[in-house]
Amino acid sequence: MDRLRLTPELLEAAYRRGLFPMGDPSGRIAWFCPDPRAILPLDGFRVTRSLRRSAKKFEVTFDRAFRQVMQRCADREEGTWITPEFLEVYTELHRRGKGHSAEAWRDGRLVGGVYGVALGGAFMAESMFHSETDAGKVALWKLVEWLRARGFLLMDVQFYTPHLGSLGAIEIPASEYLARLEKALSVKVKKVE
């Protein structure tokens, strides 16, 4: 049996049902809906004094280097679930105005970033990278502010990690996540520039 081909339409339908994919080098795709689910409350991002100081070193932009951010997120020594197929499909979502990134720059170099998918008032964060201390955190912080300013209700970060927990991420039951997702999907947010 042929496997289902990953398309922007399939991705969007999956996200709307609380599912997200991860690939492996063989080309297989696994779908996940973890229970519990990790979210980052948009009014609960923890900004430390040291992060505020670090932020002064970086210029943060939005949607200026989506594909580069994905490529840098995929460039990991331990391997990655971001296959070339994922890169193409998410880049197409970006072209359609549903894939977004926040980029941290220093001296004209991309040194941190985060990307994900926006549907209604829900943002599904997919991955983050940094090549300078705090660059990824600063990009995430500014993305949270960007989402809040536009009326988003939900930021999904999928799996809880101590790193995300230090920034304010929490775990909620999958049933609660799905209820929050349904509400967020029905929200009309301010135009994303």
N, C-alpha and C. Protein backbone atom coordinates (compact mmCIF):
# COMPACT_ATOMS: atom_id res chain seq x y z
N MET A 1 0.85 -1.19 0.00
CA MET A 1 0.00 0.00 0.00
C MET A 1 0.89 1.24 0.00
N ASP A 2 0.59 2.19 -0.89
CA ASP A 2 1.35 3.44 -0.93
C ASP A 2 1.03 4.26 0.30
N ARG A 3 2.05 4.95 0.78
CA ARG A 3 1.81 5.82 1.93
C ARG A 3 1.15 7.11 1.46
N LEU A 4 0.46 7.76 2.37
CA LEU A 4 -0.20 9.02 2.08
C LEU A 4 0.85 10.08 1.79
N ARG A 5 0.68 10.80 0.69
CA ARG A 5 1.63 11.85 0.34
C ARG A 5 1.35 13.09 1.17
N LEU A 6 2.39 13.66 1.74
CA LEU A 6 2.25 14.87 2.55
C LEU A 6 1.95 16.05 1.64
N THR A 7 0.88 16.76 1.92
CA THR A 7 0.49 17.94 1.15
C THR A 7 0.11 19.05 2.12
N PRO A 8 0.09 20.29 1.66
CA PRO A 8 -0.38 21.37 2.54
C PRO A 8 -1.81 21.13 3.03
N GLU A 9 -2.66 20.58 2.17
CA GLU A 9 -4.05 20.33 2.55
C GLU A 9 -4.14 19.26 3.65
N LEU A 10 -3.35 18.19 3.50
CA LEU A 10 -3.33 17.14 4.52
C LEU A 10 -2.81 17.68 5.85
N LEU A 11 -1.73 18.47 5.79
CA LEU A 11 -1.18 19.06 7.01
C LEU A 11 -2.21 19.92 7.72
N GLU A 12 -2.87 20.79 6.96
CA GLU A 12 -3.86 21.67 7.58
C GLU A 12 -4.99 20.88 8.20
N ALA A 13 -5.49 19.88 7.50
CA ALA A 13 -6.57 19.04 8.05
C ALA A 13 -6.12 18.34 9.33
N ALA A 14 -4.89 17.86 9.35
CA ALA A 14 -4.37 17.17 10.54
C ALA A 14 -4.26 18.14 11.72
N TYR A 15 -3.67 19.31 11.49
CA TYR A 15 -3.55 20.30 12.58
C TYR A 15 -4.92 20.66 13.15
N ARG A 16 -5.91 20.79 12.28
CA ARG A 16 -7.25 21.15 12.74
C ARG A 16 -7.86 20.06 13.63
N ARG A 17 -7.32 18.85 13.56
CA ARG A 17 -7.80 17.74 14.38
C ARG A 17 -6.85 17.42 15.55
N GLY A 18 -5.84 18.27 15.72
CA GLY A 18 -4.92 18.08 16.84
C GLY A 18 -3.75 17.15 16.55
N LEU A 19 -3.55 16.78 15.29
CA LEU A 19 -2.47 15.89 14.90
C LEU A 19 -1.31 16.68 14.29
N PHE A 20 -0.11 16.14 14.43
CA PHE A 20 1.04 16.71 13.73
C PHE A 20 1.97 15.57 13.31
N PRO A 21 2.71 15.78 12.20
CA PRO A 21 3.57 14.72 11.67
C PRO A 21 5.03 14.89 12.06
N MET A 22 5.74 13.79 12.03
CA MET A 22 7.20 13.79 12.13
C MET A 22 7.70 12.75 11.13
N GLY A 23 8.76 13.09 10.42
CA GLY A 23 9.30 12.18 9.43
C GLY A 23 10.54 11.47 9.93
N ASP A 24 10.99 10.48 9.16
CA ASP A 24 12.29 9.85 9.46
C ASP A 24 13.05 9.71 8.14
N PRO A 25 14.35 9.44 8.22
CA PRO A 25 15.17 9.41 7.00
C PRO A 25 14.69 8.43 5.93
N SER A 26 13.93 7.41 6.32
CA SER A 26 13.44 6.44 5.34
C SER A 26 12.26 6.98 4.54
N GLY A 27 11.73 8.14 4.97
CA GLY A 27 10.60 8.73 4.28
C GLY A 27 9.26 8.41 4.92
N ARG A 28 9.29 7.61 5.99
CA ARG A 28 8.03 7.31 6.69
C ARG A 28 7.59 8.53 7.50
N ILE A 29 6.28 8.66 7.65
CA ILE A 29 5.71 9.76 8.44
C ILE A 29 4.87 9.15 9.55
N ALA A 30 5.10 9.62 10.77
CA ALA A 30 4.28 9.21 11.90
C ALA A 30 3.46 10.42 12.34
N TRP A 31 2.24 10.16 12.79
CA TRP A 31 1.33 11.23 13.23
C TRP A 31 1.15 11.13 14.73
N PHE A 32 1.12 12.28 15.40
CA PHE A 32 1.07 12.32 16.86
C PHE A 32 -0.06 13.23 17.35
N CYS A 33 -0.63 12.84 18.48
CA CYS A 33 -1.56 13.67 19.24
C CYS A 33 -1.31 13.32 20.71
N PRO A 34 -0.22 13.87 21.28
CA PRO A 34 0.19 13.45 22.63
C PRO A 34 -0.83 13.80 23.72
N ASP A 35 -0.83 12.96 24.73
CA ASP A 35 -1.66 13.19 25.91
C ASP A 35 -0.80 12.87 27.13
N PRO A 36 -0.38 13.87 27.89
CA PRO A 36 -0.79 15.28 27.81
C PRO A 36 -0.12 16.02 26.65
N ARG A 37 -0.64 17.21 26.37
CA ARG A 37 -0.15 18.07 25.30
C ARG A 37 0.50 19.29 25.92
N ALA A 38 1.60 19.74 25.35
CA ALA A 38 2.28 20.93 25.86
C ALA A 38 1.84 22.16 25.10
N ILE A 39 1.52 23.20 25.84
CA ILE A 39 1.20 24.50 25.25
C ILE A 39 2.03 25.56 25.96
N LEU A 40 2.18 26.68 25.31
CA LEU A 40 2.85 27.84 25.91
C LEU A 40 1.80 28.94 26.02
N PRO A 41 1.23 29.14 27.22
CA PRO A 41 0.20 30.18 27.34
C PRO A 41 0.78 31.53 26.88
N LEU A 42 0.05 32.19 26.00
CA LEU A 42 0.57 33.42 25.41
C LEU A 42 0.72 34.54 26.43
N ASP A 43 0.01 34.43 27.56
CA ASP A 43 0.19 35.44 28.62
C ASP A 43 1.11 34.94 29.72
N GLY A 44 1.78 33.81 29.47
CA GLY A 44 2.61 33.21 30.52
C GLY A 44 4.07 33.01 30.15
N PHE A 45 4.52 33.67 29.07
CA PHE A 45 5.93 33.51 28.68
C PHE A 45 6.82 34.18 29.73
N ARG A 46 7.81 33.45 30.22
CA ARG A 46 8.70 33.97 31.27
C ARG A 46 9.91 34.66 30.66
N VAL A 47 10.01 35.95 30.94
CA VAL A 47 11.14 36.74 30.43
C VAL A 47 12.02 37.11 31.62
N THR A 48 13.21 36.52 31.67
CA THR A 48 14.14 36.82 32.76
C THR A 48 14.91 38.10 32.45
N ARG A 49 15.56 38.63 33.47
CA ARG A 49 16.40 39.83 33.28
C ARG A 49 17.50 39.55 32.27
N SER A 50 18.10 38.36 32.36
CA SER A 50 19.20 38.04 31.44
C SER A 50 18.69 37.93 30.00
N LEU A 51 17.46 37.43 29.82
CA LEU A 51 16.90 37.35 28.47
C LEU A 51 16.64 38.76 27.92
N ARG A 52 16.16 39.64 28.77
CA ARG A 52 15.95 41.03 28.33
C ARG A 52 17.27 41.65 27.88
N ARG A 53 18.34 41.38 28.63
CA ARG A 53 19.66 41.91 28.25
C ARG A 53 20.11 41.31 26.93
N SER A 54 19.95 39.99 26.80
CA SER A 54 20.34 39.30 25.56
C SER A 54 19.60 39.84 24.35
N ALA A 55 18.32 40.16 24.54
CA ALA A 55 17.48 40.59 23.41
C ALA A 55 18.05 41.82 22.73
N LYS A 56 18.78 42.63 23.47
CA LYS A 56 19.34 43.86 22.89
C LYS A 56 20.39 43.58 21.82
N LYS A 57 20.92 42.36 21.82
CA LYS A 57 21.96 41.99 20.84
C LYS A 57 21.39 41.61 19.48
N PHE A 58 20.09 41.33 19.43
CA PHE A 58 19.51 40.75 18.22
C PHE A 58 18.46 41.64 17.59
N GLU A 59 18.38 41.56 16.26
CA GLU A 59 17.26 42.14 15.52
C GLU A 59 16.32 40.98 15.22
N VAL A 60 15.03 41.15 15.50
CA VAL A 60 14.06 40.09 15.24
C VAL A 60 13.13 40.51 14.11
N THR A 61 12.97 39.61 13.14
CA THR A 61 12.07 39.83 12.02
C THR A 61 11.08 38.67 11.95
N PHE A 62 10.06 38.85 11.13
CA PHE A 62 9.03 37.82 10.96
C PHE A 62 8.87 37.50 9.49
N ASP A 63 8.85 36.21 9.19
CA ASP A 63 8.59 35.72 7.83
C ASP A 63 9.59 36.21 6.79
N ARG A 64 10.76 36.58 7.21
CA ARG A 64 11.77 37.04 6.26
C ARG A 64 12.65 35.89 5.77
N ALA A 65 12.77 34.82 6.57
CA ALA A 65 13.67 33.73 6.22
C ALA A 65 13.08 32.39 6.65
N PHE A 66 11.81 32.16 6.30
CA PHE A 66 11.11 30.96 6.74
C PHE A 66 11.87 29.68 6.38
N ARG A 67 12.21 29.54 5.12
CA ARG A 67 12.89 28.31 4.66
C ARG A 67 14.25 28.15 5.34
N GLN A 68 14.98 29.23 5.49
CA GLN A 68 16.29 29.17 6.17
C GLN A 68 16.12 28.71 7.61
N VAL A 69 15.10 29.21 8.29
CA VAL A 69 14.86 28.78 9.68
C VAL A 69 14.59 27.28 9.71
N MET A 70 13.75 26.80 8.81
CA MET A 70 13.48 25.35 8.76
C MET A 70 14.76 24.56 8.51
N GLN A 71 15.57 25.03 7.56
CA GLN A 71 16.81 24.32 7.25
C GLN A 71 17.74 24.29 8.46
N ARG A 72 17.82 25.41 9.18
CA ARG A 72 18.68 25.45 10.36
C ARG A 72 18.12 24.56 11.47
N CYS A 73 16.80 24.50 11.61
CA CYS A 73 16.19 23.59 12.59
C CYS A 73 16.49 22.14 12.25
N ALA A 74 16.57 21.84 10.96
CA ALA A 74 16.83 20.46 10.51
C ALA A 74 18.29 20.06 10.64
N ASP A 75 19.17 21.03 10.73
CA ASP A 75 20.62 20.78 10.75
C ASP A 75 21.07 20.44 12.18
N ARG A 76 20.83 19.20 12.58
CA ARG A 76 21.17 18.75 13.94
C ARG A 76 22.05 17.52 13.87
N GLU A 77 23.05 17.48 14.72
CA GLU A 77 23.97 16.34 14.75
C GLU A 77 23.24 15.03 15.00
N GLU A 78 22.22 15.07 15.88
CA GLU A 78 21.52 13.84 16.26
C GLU A 78 20.51 13.38 15.21
N GLY A 79 20.41 14.12 14.10
CA GLY A 79 19.44 13.79 13.06
C GLY A 79 18.19 14.63 13.23
N THR A 80 17.27 14.51 12.29
CA THR A 80 16.09 15.36 12.32
C THR A 80 14.89 14.64 11.73
N TRP A 81 13.71 15.10 12.13
CA TRP A 81 12.47 14.62 11.54
C TRP A 81 12.05 15.53 10.39
N ILE A 82 12.77 16.64 10.17
CA ILE A 82 12.43 17.60 9.11
C ILE A 82 13.09 17.12 7.82
N THR A 83 12.37 16.30 7.08
CA THR A 83 12.88 15.73 5.84
C THR A 83 12.75 16.75 4.70
N PRO A 84 13.40 16.49 3.56
CA PRO A 84 13.22 17.39 2.40
C PRO A 84 11.76 17.56 2.01
N GLU A 85 10.96 16.49 2.14
CA GLU A 85 9.53 16.58 1.84
C GLU A 85 8.84 17.57 2.77
N PHE A 86 9.18 17.52 4.07
CA PHE A 86 8.62 18.47 5.02
C PHE A 86 9.01 19.89 4.64
N LEU A 87 10.27 20.08 4.28
CA LEU A 87 10.75 21.40 3.90
C LEU A 87 9.91 21.98 2.76
N GLU A 88 9.63 21.17 1.77
CA GLU A 88 8.85 21.64 0.61
C GLU A 88 7.40 21.95 1.00
N VAL A 89 6.78 21.07 1.75
CA VAL A 89 5.36 21.23 2.08
C VAL A 89 5.14 22.42 3.02
N TYR A 90 5.99 22.56 4.04
CA TYR A 90 5.84 23.69 4.96
C TYR A 90 6.18 25.01 4.26
N THR A 91 7.13 24.99 3.35
CA THR A 91 7.45 26.20 2.59
C THR A 91 6.24 26.61 1.75
N GLU A 92 5.53 25.64 1.20
CA GLU A 92 4.31 25.96 0.46
C GLU A 92 3.24 26.55 1.39
N LEU A 93 3.12 26.01 2.60
CA LEU A 93 2.18 26.59 3.57
C LEU A 93 2.57 28.04 3.86
N HIS A 94 3.86 28.30 3.95
CA HIS A 94 4.34 29.67 4.17
C HIS A 94 3.92 30.56 2.99
N ARG A 95 4.12 30.08 1.78
CA ARG A 95 3.72 30.86 0.59
C ARG A 95 2.22 31.16 0.62
N ARG A 96 1.44 30.26 1.20
CA ARG A 96 -0.02 30.44 1.28
C ARG A 96 -0.43 31.30 2.48
N GLY A 97 0.54 31.78 3.25
CA GLY A 97 0.23 32.66 4.38
C GLY A 97 -0.11 31.94 5.66
N LYS A 98 0.17 30.63 5.75
CA LYS A 98 -0.16 29.86 6.96
C LYS A 98 1.08 29.40 7.72
N GLY A 99 2.23 29.39 7.08
CA GLY A 99 3.47 29.06 7.75
C GLY A 99 4.18 30.36 8.11
N HIS A 100 4.66 30.45 9.35
CA HIS A 100 5.29 31.70 9.82
C HIS A 100 6.57 31.40 10.59
N SER A 101 7.46 32.37 10.56
CA SER A 101 8.72 32.23 11.30
C SER A 101 9.07 33.54 11.97
N ALA A 102 9.81 33.42 13.06
CA ALA A 102 10.45 34.57 13.71
C ALA A 102 11.94 34.30 13.63
N GLU A 103 12.69 35.32 13.24
CA GLU A 103 14.13 35.16 13.02
C GLU A 103 14.91 36.13 13.89
N ALA A 104 15.96 35.64 14.52
CA ALA A 104 16.88 36.50 15.28
C ALA A 104 18.16 36.65 14.48
N TRP A 105 18.56 37.89 14.26
CA TRP A 105 19.74 38.22 13.46
C TRP A 105 20.76 38.95 14.31
N ARG A 106 22.02 38.73 14.00
CA ARG A 106 23.10 39.50 14.62
C ARG A 106 24.14 39.78 13.55
N ASP A 107 24.40 41.06 13.35
CA ASP A 107 25.36 41.49 12.32
C ASP A 107 25.03 40.88 10.96
N GLY A 108 23.72 40.84 10.63
CA GLY A 108 23.29 40.34 9.33
C GLY A 108 23.28 38.83 9.18
N ARG A 109 23.58 38.10 10.26
CA ARG A 109 23.60 36.63 10.22
C ARG A 109 22.39 36.09 10.97
N LEU A 110 21.76 35.07 10.40
CA LEU A 110 20.65 34.40 11.06
C LEU A 110 21.23 33.51 12.17
N VAL A 111 20.90 33.83 13.42
CA VAL A 111 21.50 33.12 14.56
C VAL A 111 20.47 32.43 15.45
N GLY A 112 19.19 32.58 15.13
CA GLY A 112 18.15 31.92 15.90
C GLY A 112 16.82 32.05 15.21
N GLY A 113 15.91 31.14 15.50
CA GLY A 113 14.60 31.25 14.89
C GLY A 113 13.66 30.15 15.34
N VAL A 114 12.40 30.36 15.02
CA VAL A 114 11.34 29.41 15.32
C VAL A 114 10.34 29.48 14.17
N TYR A 115 9.71 28.35 13.85
CA TYR A 115 8.69 28.37 12.80
C TYR A 115 7.52 27.50 13.21
N GLY A 116 6.39 27.73 12.53
CA GLY A 116 5.20 26.94 12.80
C GLY A 116 4.09 27.29 11.84
N VAL A 117 2.88 26.85 12.20
CA VAL A 117 1.71 27.00 11.34
C VAL A 117 0.62 27.74 12.11
N ALA A 118 0.01 28.72 11.45
CA ALA A 118 -1.08 29.49 12.05
C ALA A 118 -2.39 29.16 11.34
N LEU A 119 -3.39 28.78 12.13
CA LEU A 119 -4.73 28.52 11.61
C LEU A 119 -5.71 29.20 12.57
N GLY A 120 -6.50 30.13 12.07
CA GLY A 120 -7.38 30.88 12.95
C GLY A 120 -6.55 31.55 14.03
N GLY A 121 -6.93 31.34 15.29
CA GLY A 121 -6.19 31.91 16.42
C GLY A 121 -5.29 30.90 17.11
N ALA A 122 -4.90 29.85 16.37
CA ALA A 122 -4.00 28.82 16.91
C ALA A 122 -2.68 28.86 16.16
N PHE A 123 -1.58 28.77 16.92
CA PHE A 123 -0.26 28.68 16.31
C PHE A 123 0.39 27.40 16.80
N MET A 124 0.77 26.54 15.85
CA MET A 124 1.42 25.28 16.17
C MET A 124 2.92 25.45 15.92
N ALA A 125 3.67 25.67 16.99
CA ALA A 125 5.12 25.84 16.87
C ALA A 125 5.75 24.48 16.57
N GLU A 126 6.61 24.45 15.58
CA GLU A 126 7.19 23.18 15.14
C GLU A 126 8.61 22.96 15.62
N SER A 127 9.46 23.94 15.48
CA SER A 127 10.86 23.74 15.86
C SER A 127 11.54 25.08 16.05
N MET A 128 12.67 25.03 16.75
CA MET A 128 13.43 26.24 17.08
C MET A 128 14.91 25.90 17.01
N PHE A 129 15.74 26.89 16.68
CA PHE A 129 17.19 26.68 16.68
C PHE A 129 17.88 27.93 17.20
N HIS A 130 19.13 27.76 17.57
CA HIS A 130 19.98 28.91 17.90
C HIS A 130 21.44 28.53 17.63
N SER A 131 22.21 29.49 17.17
CA SER A 131 23.65 29.30 17.04
C SER A 131 24.40 30.28 17.93
N GLU A 132 23.65 31.16 18.62
CA GLU A 132 24.19 32.04 19.65
C GLU A 132 23.28 31.96 20.86
N THR A 133 23.86 32.06 22.03
CA THR A 133 23.11 31.95 23.27
C THR A 133 21.91 32.88 23.27
N ASP A 134 20.76 32.32 23.61
CA ASP A 134 19.48 33.02 23.77
C ASP A 134 18.83 33.47 22.47
N ALA A 135 19.46 33.28 21.31
CA ALA A 135 18.87 33.76 20.06
C ALA A 135 17.53 33.08 19.77
N GLY A 136 17.42 31.79 19.99
CA GLY A 136 16.16 31.09 19.77
C GLY A 136 15.09 31.54 20.76
N LYS A 137 15.49 31.72 22.02
CA LYS A 137 14.54 32.18 23.05
C LYS A 137 14.00 33.56 22.72
N VAL A 138 14.90 34.44 22.26
CA VAL A 138 14.48 35.80 21.91
C VAL A 138 13.49 35.75 20.74
N ALA A 139 13.77 34.93 19.74
CA ALA A 139 12.85 34.79 18.60
C ALA A 139 11.49 34.28 19.09
N LEU A 140 11.49 33.31 20.00
CA LEU A 140 10.23 32.76 20.53
C LEU A 140 9.48 33.82 21.33
N TRP A 141 10.18 34.57 22.17
CA TRP A 141 9.56 35.64 22.96
C TRP A 141 8.88 36.65 22.04
N LYS A 142 9.59 37.09 21.02
CA LYS A 142 9.02 38.09 20.11
C LYS A 142 7.87 37.51 19.30
N LEU A 143 7.94 36.21 18.99
CA LEU A 143 6.83 35.55 18.30
C LEU A 143 5.59 35.54 19.20
N VAL A 144 5.77 35.23 20.48
CA VAL A 144 4.65 35.25 21.43
C VAL A 144 4.02 36.65 21.45
N GLU A 145 4.83 37.70 21.51
CA GLU A 145 4.29 39.07 21.50
C GLU A 145 3.54 39.35 20.20
N TRP A 146 4.09 38.89 19.09
CA TRP A 146 3.50 39.09 17.76
C TRP A 146 2.13 38.41 17.69
N LEU A 147 2.04 37.18 18.23
CA LEU A 147 0.78 36.45 18.23
C LEU A 147 -0.25 37.13 19.14
N ARG A 148 0.18 37.55 20.31
CA ARG A 148 -0.74 38.21 21.25
C ARG A 148 -1.31 39.48 20.64
N ALA A 149 -0.47 40.26 19.97
CA ALA A 149 -0.91 41.52 19.37
C ALA A 149 -1.97 41.29 18.29
N ARG A 150 -2.01 40.10 17.73
CA ARG A 150 -2.95 39.79 16.65
C ARG A 150 -4.18 39.03 17.13
N GLY A 151 -4.25 38.75 18.43
CA GLY A 151 -5.44 38.12 18.98
C GLY A 151 -5.43 36.60 18.98
N PHE A 152 -4.26 35.97 18.82
CA PHE A 152 -4.18 34.51 18.90
C PHE A 152 -4.53 34.05 20.32
N LEU A 153 -5.09 32.85 20.43
CA LEU A 153 -5.48 32.30 21.73
C LEU A 153 -4.62 31.14 22.19
N LEU A 154 -3.98 30.43 21.24
CA LEU A 154 -3.33 29.17 21.58
C LEU A 154 -1.98 29.05 20.89
N MET A 155 -0.97 28.63 21.65
CA MET A 155 0.32 28.27 21.08
C MET A 155 0.64 26.85 21.52
N ASP A 156 0.62 25.95 20.55
CA ASP A 156 0.90 24.54 20.78
C ASP A 156 2.41 24.33 20.64
N VAL A 157 3.02 23.68 21.63
CA VAL A 157 4.45 23.34 21.53
C VAL A 157 4.65 21.82 21.58
N GLN A 158 3.54 21.09 21.52
CA GLN A 158 3.51 19.64 21.33
C GLN A 158 3.97 18.84 22.53
N PHE A 159 5.29 18.76 22.74
CA PHE A 159 5.85 17.95 23.83
C PHE A 159 6.52 18.85 24.86
N TYR A 160 6.28 18.56 26.12
CA TYR A 160 6.90 19.33 27.20
C TYR A 160 8.38 18.95 27.34
N THR A 161 9.23 19.95 27.49
CA THR A 161 10.63 19.74 27.85
C THR A 161 10.96 20.69 28.99
N PRO A 162 11.97 20.39 29.80
CA PRO A 162 12.36 21.32 30.85
C PRO A 162 12.71 22.71 30.29
N HIS A 163 13.34 22.74 29.12
CA HIS A 163 13.68 24.02 28.49
C HIS A 163 12.42 24.85 28.24
N LEU A 164 11.39 24.22 27.61
CA LEU A 164 10.14 24.94 27.36
C LEU A 164 9.44 25.28 28.67
N GLY A 165 9.52 24.39 29.65
CA GLY A 165 8.94 24.66 30.95
C GLY A 165 9.54 25.90 31.60
N SER A 166 10.85 26.10 31.43
CA SER A 166 11.51 27.28 32.01
C SER A 166 11.00 28.57 31.37
N LEU A 167 10.41 28.45 30.17
CA LEU A 167 9.87 29.62 29.47
C LEU A 167 8.38 29.81 29.73
N GLY A 168 7.77 28.86 30.45
CA GLY A 168 6.36 28.99 30.80
C GLY A 168 5.45 27.93 30.23
N ALA A 169 5.98 26.97 29.47
CA ALA A 169 5.15 25.91 28.89
C ALA A 169 4.54 25.05 29.99
N ILE A 170 3.33 24.57 29.74
CA ILE A 170 2.63 23.69 30.67
C ILE A 170 2.06 22.51 29.88
N GLU A 171 1.66 21.48 30.62
CA GLU A 171 0.99 20.34 30.00
C GLU A 171 -0.48 20.37 30.39
N ILE A 172 -1.32 20.02 29.41
CA ILE A 172 -2.75 19.91 29.67
C ILE A 172 -3.23 18.59 29.05
N PRO A 173 -4.35 18.05 29.54
CA PRO A 173 -4.89 16.82 28.93
C PRO A 173 -5.22 17.06 27.46
N ALA A 174 -5.08 16.02 26.65
CA ALA A 174 -5.38 16.14 25.22
C ALA A 174 -6.82 16.62 24.99
N SER A 175 -7.75 16.18 25.82
CA SER A 175 -9.15 16.60 25.66
C SER A 175 -9.28 18.11 25.84
N GLU A 176 -8.56 18.67 26.81
CA GLU A 176 -8.59 20.12 27.01
C GLU A 176 -7.91 20.84 25.85
N TYR A 177 -6.81 20.26 25.36
CA TYR A 177 -6.14 20.85 24.21
C TYR A 177 -7.09 20.92 23.02
N LEU A 178 -7.80 19.83 22.74
CA LEU A 178 -8.70 19.79 21.59
C LEU A 178 -9.83 20.80 21.74
N ALA A 179 -10.32 21.01 22.96
CA ALA A 179 -11.37 22.02 23.19
C ALA A 179 -10.80 23.42 22.95
N ARG A 180 -9.58 23.68 23.46
CA ARG A 180 -8.96 24.99 23.23
C ARG A 180 -8.67 25.20 21.74
N LEU A 181 -8.24 24.13 21.08
CA LEU A 181 -7.95 24.23 19.65
C LEU A 181 -9.22 24.59 18.88
N GLU A 182 -10.32 23.91 19.18
CA GLU A 182 -11.58 24.20 18.47
C GLU A 182 -11.97 25.67 18.64
N LYS A 183 -11.85 26.17 19.85
CA LYS A 183 -12.18 27.58 20.10
C LYS A 183 -11.23 28.50 19.32
N ALA A 184 -9.94 28.21 19.37
CA ALA A 184 -8.94 29.06 18.71
C ALA A 184 -9.12 29.06 17.19
N LEU A 185 -9.47 27.92 16.63
CA LEU A 185 -9.65 27.84 15.17
C LEU A 185 -10.78 28.73 14.68
N SER A 186 -11.76 29.01 15.55
CA SER A 186 -12.91 29.81 15.14
C SER A 186 -12.66 31.32 15.27
N VAL A 187 -11.51 31.69 15.81
CA VAL A 187 -11.19 33.10 16.03
C VAL A 187 -10.63 33.73 14.75
N LYS A 188 -11.09 34.94 14.48
CA LYS A 188 -10.53 35.70 13.35
C LYS A 188 -9.50 36.64 13.95
N VAL A 189 -8.24 36.45 13.60
CA VAL A 189 -7.16 37.28 14.14
C VAL A 189 -6.91 38.48 13.24
N LYS A 190 -6.17 39.45 13.79
CA LYS A 190 -5.79 40.60 12.98
C LYS A 190 -4.87 40.12 11.87
N LYS A 191 -4.90 40.83 10.78
CA LYS A 191 -4.10 40.45 9.61
C LYS A 191 -2.65 40.22 10.00
N VAL A 192 -2.10 39.12 9.54
CA VAL A 192 -0.69 38.80 9.77
C VAL A 192 0.08 39.39 8.60
N GLU A 193 0.91 40.40 8.91
CA GLU A 193 1.68 41.04 7.84
C GLU A 193 2.90 40.24 7.48
